[in-house]
N, C-alpha and C. Protein backbone atom coordinates (compact mmCIF):
# COMPACT_ATOMS: atom_id res chain seq x y z
N MET A 1 -4.94 -0.80 11.73
CA MET A 1 -5.88 0.28 11.67
C MET A 1 -5.15 1.52 11.14
N SER A 2 -5.73 2.17 10.18
CA SER A 2 -5.16 3.39 9.59
C SER A 2 -6.21 4.48 9.56
N ARG A 3 -5.79 5.69 9.86
CA ARG A 3 -6.67 6.85 9.83
C ARG A 3 -5.92 8.03 9.23
N THR A 4 -6.66 8.98 8.69
CA THR A 4 -6.02 10.20 8.19
C THR A 4 -5.84 11.17 9.34
N LEU A 5 -4.89 12.07 9.18
CA LEU A 5 -4.59 13.08 10.18
C LEU A 5 -4.72 14.47 9.58
N ARG A 6 -5.06 15.42 10.41
CA ARG A 6 -5.00 16.81 9.99
C ARG A 6 -3.58 17.30 10.20
N ALA A 7 -3.06 18.05 9.26
CA ALA A 7 -1.66 18.47 9.30
C ALA A 7 -1.39 19.50 10.40
N ASN A 8 -2.41 20.21 10.87
CA ASN A 8 -2.17 21.28 11.84
C ASN A 8 -2.30 20.85 13.30
N ARG A 9 -2.36 19.55 13.58
CA ARG A 9 -2.41 19.09 14.97
C ARG A 9 -1.07 19.32 15.65
N LYS A 10 -1.12 19.72 16.93
CA LYS A 10 0.12 20.02 17.66
C LYS A 10 0.99 18.80 17.90
N VAL A 11 0.38 17.63 18.05
CA VAL A 11 1.13 16.43 18.42
C VAL A 11 1.77 15.72 17.23
N ASN A 12 1.52 16.17 16.02
CA ASN A 12 2.14 15.55 14.84
C ASN A 12 3.65 15.80 14.84
N PRO A 13 4.44 14.82 14.40
CA PRO A 13 5.89 15.03 14.33
C PRO A 13 6.23 16.10 13.28
N LYS A 14 6.95 17.11 13.70
CA LYS A 14 7.27 18.24 12.82
C LYS A 14 8.13 17.81 11.63
N GLU A 15 8.99 16.80 11.83
CA GLU A 15 9.87 16.36 10.75
C GLU A 15 9.08 15.77 9.59
N VAL A 16 7.96 15.14 9.88
CA VAL A 16 7.14 14.51 8.84
C VAL A 16 6.24 15.55 8.18
N VAL A 17 5.58 16.38 8.99
CA VAL A 17 4.59 17.32 8.47
C VAL A 17 5.24 18.43 7.65
N ALA A 18 6.38 18.94 8.09
CA ALA A 18 6.99 20.10 7.44
C ALA A 18 7.76 19.75 6.17
N LYS A 19 8.10 18.49 5.95
CA LYS A 19 8.91 18.10 4.79
C LYS A 19 8.12 18.30 3.50
N LYS A 20 8.74 18.95 2.54
CA LYS A 20 8.15 19.15 1.22
C LYS A 20 8.45 17.92 0.37
N LEU A 21 7.42 17.35 -0.23
CA LEU A 21 7.57 16.12 -1.00
C LEU A 21 7.28 16.38 -2.47
N ILE A 22 7.93 15.58 -3.33
CA ILE A 22 7.58 15.59 -4.74
C ILE A 22 6.62 14.43 -4.99
N LYS A 23 5.97 14.41 -6.12
CA LYS A 23 4.97 13.39 -6.42
C LYS A 23 5.59 12.00 -6.36
N GLY A 24 4.94 11.11 -5.61
CA GLY A 24 5.40 9.74 -5.47
C GLY A 24 6.33 9.49 -4.29
N GLU A 25 6.74 10.53 -3.61
CA GLU A 25 7.67 10.40 -2.48
C GLU A 25 6.88 10.20 -1.18
N ILE A 26 7.47 9.47 -0.23
CA ILE A 26 6.85 9.28 1.08
C ILE A 26 7.86 9.58 2.17
N ASN A 27 7.34 9.97 3.33
CA ASN A 27 8.16 10.25 4.50
C ASN A 27 7.42 9.68 5.69
N ALA A 28 8.11 8.94 6.55
CA ALA A 28 7.44 8.30 7.68
C ALA A 28 8.31 8.37 8.92
N GLN A 29 7.64 8.33 10.07
CA GLN A 29 8.33 8.28 11.35
C GLN A 29 7.52 7.38 12.27
N GLU A 30 8.22 6.51 13.00
CA GLU A 30 7.56 5.57 13.91
C GLU A 30 8.02 5.86 15.33
N ASN A 31 7.06 5.82 16.29
CA ASN A 31 7.45 6.07 17.68
C ASN A 31 7.79 4.76 18.38
N GLU A 32 8.10 4.84 19.66
CA GLU A 32 8.54 3.65 20.40
C GLU A 32 7.43 2.63 20.61
N ARG A 33 6.18 3.02 20.48
CA ARG A 33 5.06 2.09 20.62
C ARG A 33 4.64 1.45 19.30
N GLY A 34 5.30 1.79 18.22
CA GLY A 34 4.99 1.18 16.92
C GLY A 34 3.95 1.93 16.11
N ILE A 35 3.59 3.15 16.53
CA ILE A 35 2.63 3.96 15.78
C ILE A 35 3.41 4.73 14.71
N CYS A 36 2.96 4.62 13.47
CA CYS A 36 3.66 5.23 12.35
C CYS A 36 2.84 6.39 11.79
N VAL A 37 3.49 7.55 11.61
CA VAL A 37 2.88 8.69 10.92
C VAL A 37 3.56 8.76 9.57
N LEU A 38 2.76 8.69 8.52
CA LEU A 38 3.28 8.61 7.16
C LEU A 38 2.71 9.76 6.34
N LYS A 39 3.56 10.44 5.60
CA LYS A 39 3.12 11.50 4.70
C LYS A 39 3.47 11.08 3.29
N GLY A 40 2.50 11.10 2.42
CA GLY A 40 2.71 10.74 1.03
C GLY A 40 2.18 11.82 0.11
N ARG A 41 2.70 11.86 -1.09
CA ARG A 41 2.26 12.87 -2.05
C ARG A 41 1.88 12.19 -3.35
N ASP A 42 0.63 12.40 -3.77
CA ASP A 42 0.19 11.98 -5.09
C ASP A 42 -0.32 13.23 -5.79
N LYS A 43 -1.53 13.63 -5.49
CA LYS A 43 -2.01 14.93 -5.94
C LYS A 43 -1.92 15.89 -4.76
N PRO A 44 -2.71 15.68 -3.70
CA PRO A 44 -2.45 16.47 -2.49
C PRO A 44 -1.55 15.67 -1.55
N ASP A 45 -1.01 16.35 -0.54
CA ASP A 45 -0.31 15.63 0.53
C ASP A 45 -1.35 14.93 1.39
N ILE A 46 -1.01 13.74 1.89
CA ILE A 46 -1.91 13.01 2.77
C ILE A 46 -1.11 12.51 3.96
N LEU A 47 -1.69 12.65 5.14
CA LEU A 47 -1.08 12.16 6.37
C LEU A 47 -1.88 10.98 6.87
N ILE A 48 -1.21 9.88 7.15
CA ILE A 48 -1.85 8.65 7.63
C ILE A 48 -1.22 8.28 8.97
N LEU A 49 -2.06 7.95 9.94
CA LEU A 49 -1.64 7.42 11.23
C LEU A 49 -1.97 5.94 11.22
N SER A 50 -0.98 5.09 11.46
CA SER A 50 -1.21 3.65 11.37
C SER A 50 -0.51 2.92 12.51
N ALA A 51 -1.22 1.94 13.07
CA ALA A 51 -0.65 1.12 14.13
C ALA A 51 -0.09 -0.19 13.57
N CYS A 52 -0.37 -0.50 12.31
CA CYS A 52 0.05 -1.80 11.78
C CYS A 52 0.84 -1.70 10.48
N HIS A 53 1.22 -0.51 10.04
CA HIS A 53 1.97 -0.35 8.80
C HIS A 53 3.26 0.41 9.06
N SER A 54 4.21 0.23 8.17
CA SER A 54 5.42 1.03 8.18
C SER A 54 5.45 1.81 6.86
N ASP A 55 6.63 2.19 6.40
CA ASP A 55 6.71 2.96 5.16
C ASP A 55 6.88 2.09 3.92
N GLU A 56 6.49 0.81 4.00
CA GLU A 56 6.64 -0.09 2.85
C GLU A 56 5.68 0.32 1.72
N THR A 57 6.11 0.06 0.49
CA THR A 57 5.30 0.41 -0.68
C THR A 57 4.92 -0.85 -1.45
N VAL A 58 3.84 -0.72 -2.23
CA VAL A 58 3.39 -1.80 -3.09
C VAL A 58 3.19 -1.23 -4.49
N GLN A 59 3.24 -2.11 -5.49
CA GLN A 59 3.01 -1.68 -6.87
C GLN A 59 1.54 -1.89 -7.20
N ILE A 60 0.92 -0.87 -7.79
CA ILE A 60 -0.46 -0.98 -8.24
C ILE A 60 -0.54 -0.46 -9.67
N GLN A 61 -1.62 -0.83 -10.35
CA GLN A 61 -1.88 -0.36 -11.71
C GLN A 61 -2.86 0.80 -11.64
N ARG A 62 -2.50 1.90 -12.26
CA ARG A 62 -3.40 3.04 -12.36
C ARG A 62 -3.37 3.54 -13.80
N HIS A 63 -4.50 3.44 -14.48
CA HIS A 63 -4.62 3.88 -15.87
C HIS A 63 -3.58 3.20 -16.77
N GLY A 64 -3.32 1.93 -16.50
CA GLY A 64 -2.39 1.17 -17.32
C GLY A 64 -0.92 1.38 -16.99
N ILE A 65 -0.64 2.17 -15.96
CA ILE A 65 0.74 2.45 -15.56
C ILE A 65 0.97 1.85 -14.18
N THR A 66 2.12 1.21 -13.99
CA THR A 66 2.47 0.66 -12.68
C THR A 66 3.13 1.75 -11.85
N ILE A 67 2.58 1.99 -10.64
CA ILE A 67 3.15 3.01 -9.75
C ILE A 67 3.38 2.40 -8.37
N GLN A 68 4.23 3.04 -7.59
CA GLN A 68 4.49 2.65 -6.22
C GLN A 68 3.57 3.49 -5.32
N LYS A 69 2.94 2.83 -4.35
CA LYS A 69 2.06 3.52 -3.42
C LYS A 69 2.28 2.93 -2.03
N PRO A 70 2.25 3.75 -0.98
CA PRO A 70 2.42 3.21 0.37
C PRO A 70 1.31 2.22 0.71
N LYS A 71 1.68 1.10 1.34
CA LYS A 71 0.72 0.07 1.69
C LYS A 71 -0.34 0.59 2.65
N ALA A 72 0.01 1.52 3.53
CA ALA A 72 -0.95 2.09 4.47
C ALA A 72 -2.07 2.82 3.71
N ILE A 73 -1.74 3.52 2.65
CA ILE A 73 -2.74 4.25 1.87
C ILE A 73 -3.60 3.29 1.07
N VAL A 74 -3.01 2.24 0.51
CA VAL A 74 -3.77 1.24 -0.24
C VAL A 74 -4.79 0.56 0.67
N ASP A 75 -4.35 0.16 1.88
CA ASP A 75 -5.27 -0.49 2.82
C ASP A 75 -6.33 0.48 3.33
N TYR A 76 -5.98 1.74 3.54
CA TYR A 76 -6.95 2.75 3.97
C TYR A 76 -8.03 2.93 2.90
N ASN A 77 -7.61 3.04 1.64
CA ASN A 77 -8.58 3.22 0.56
C ASN A 77 -9.47 2.00 0.37
N SER A 78 -8.93 0.80 0.54
CA SER A 78 -9.75 -0.40 0.39
C SER A 78 -10.73 -0.54 1.54
N GLY A 79 -10.40 -0.01 2.71
CA GLY A 79 -11.32 -0.06 3.85
C GLY A 79 -12.46 0.93 3.74
N LYS A 80 -12.28 1.99 2.95
CA LYS A 80 -13.34 2.98 2.78
C LYS A 80 -14.46 2.47 1.90
N SER A 81 -14.15 1.58 0.97
CA SER A 81 -15.19 1.13 0.03
C SER A 81 -15.91 -0.10 0.50
């Protein structure tokens, strides 16, 4: 299960939320219960809370170009449609 997070929540890990990312970079932190907070940057920054993903990436095709994208974000987007 993956959900988006608001960046201004008090309980978010500060190390993940405050880190400045460049396009294509990801930053993740996992707690002792296996819950992962992942921050990725494509156009805007996005925060994902996931109980079943880590910071692994997958290759996808976008406009004829192969890019790396976090698996949590790919699964989140496929669940929305």
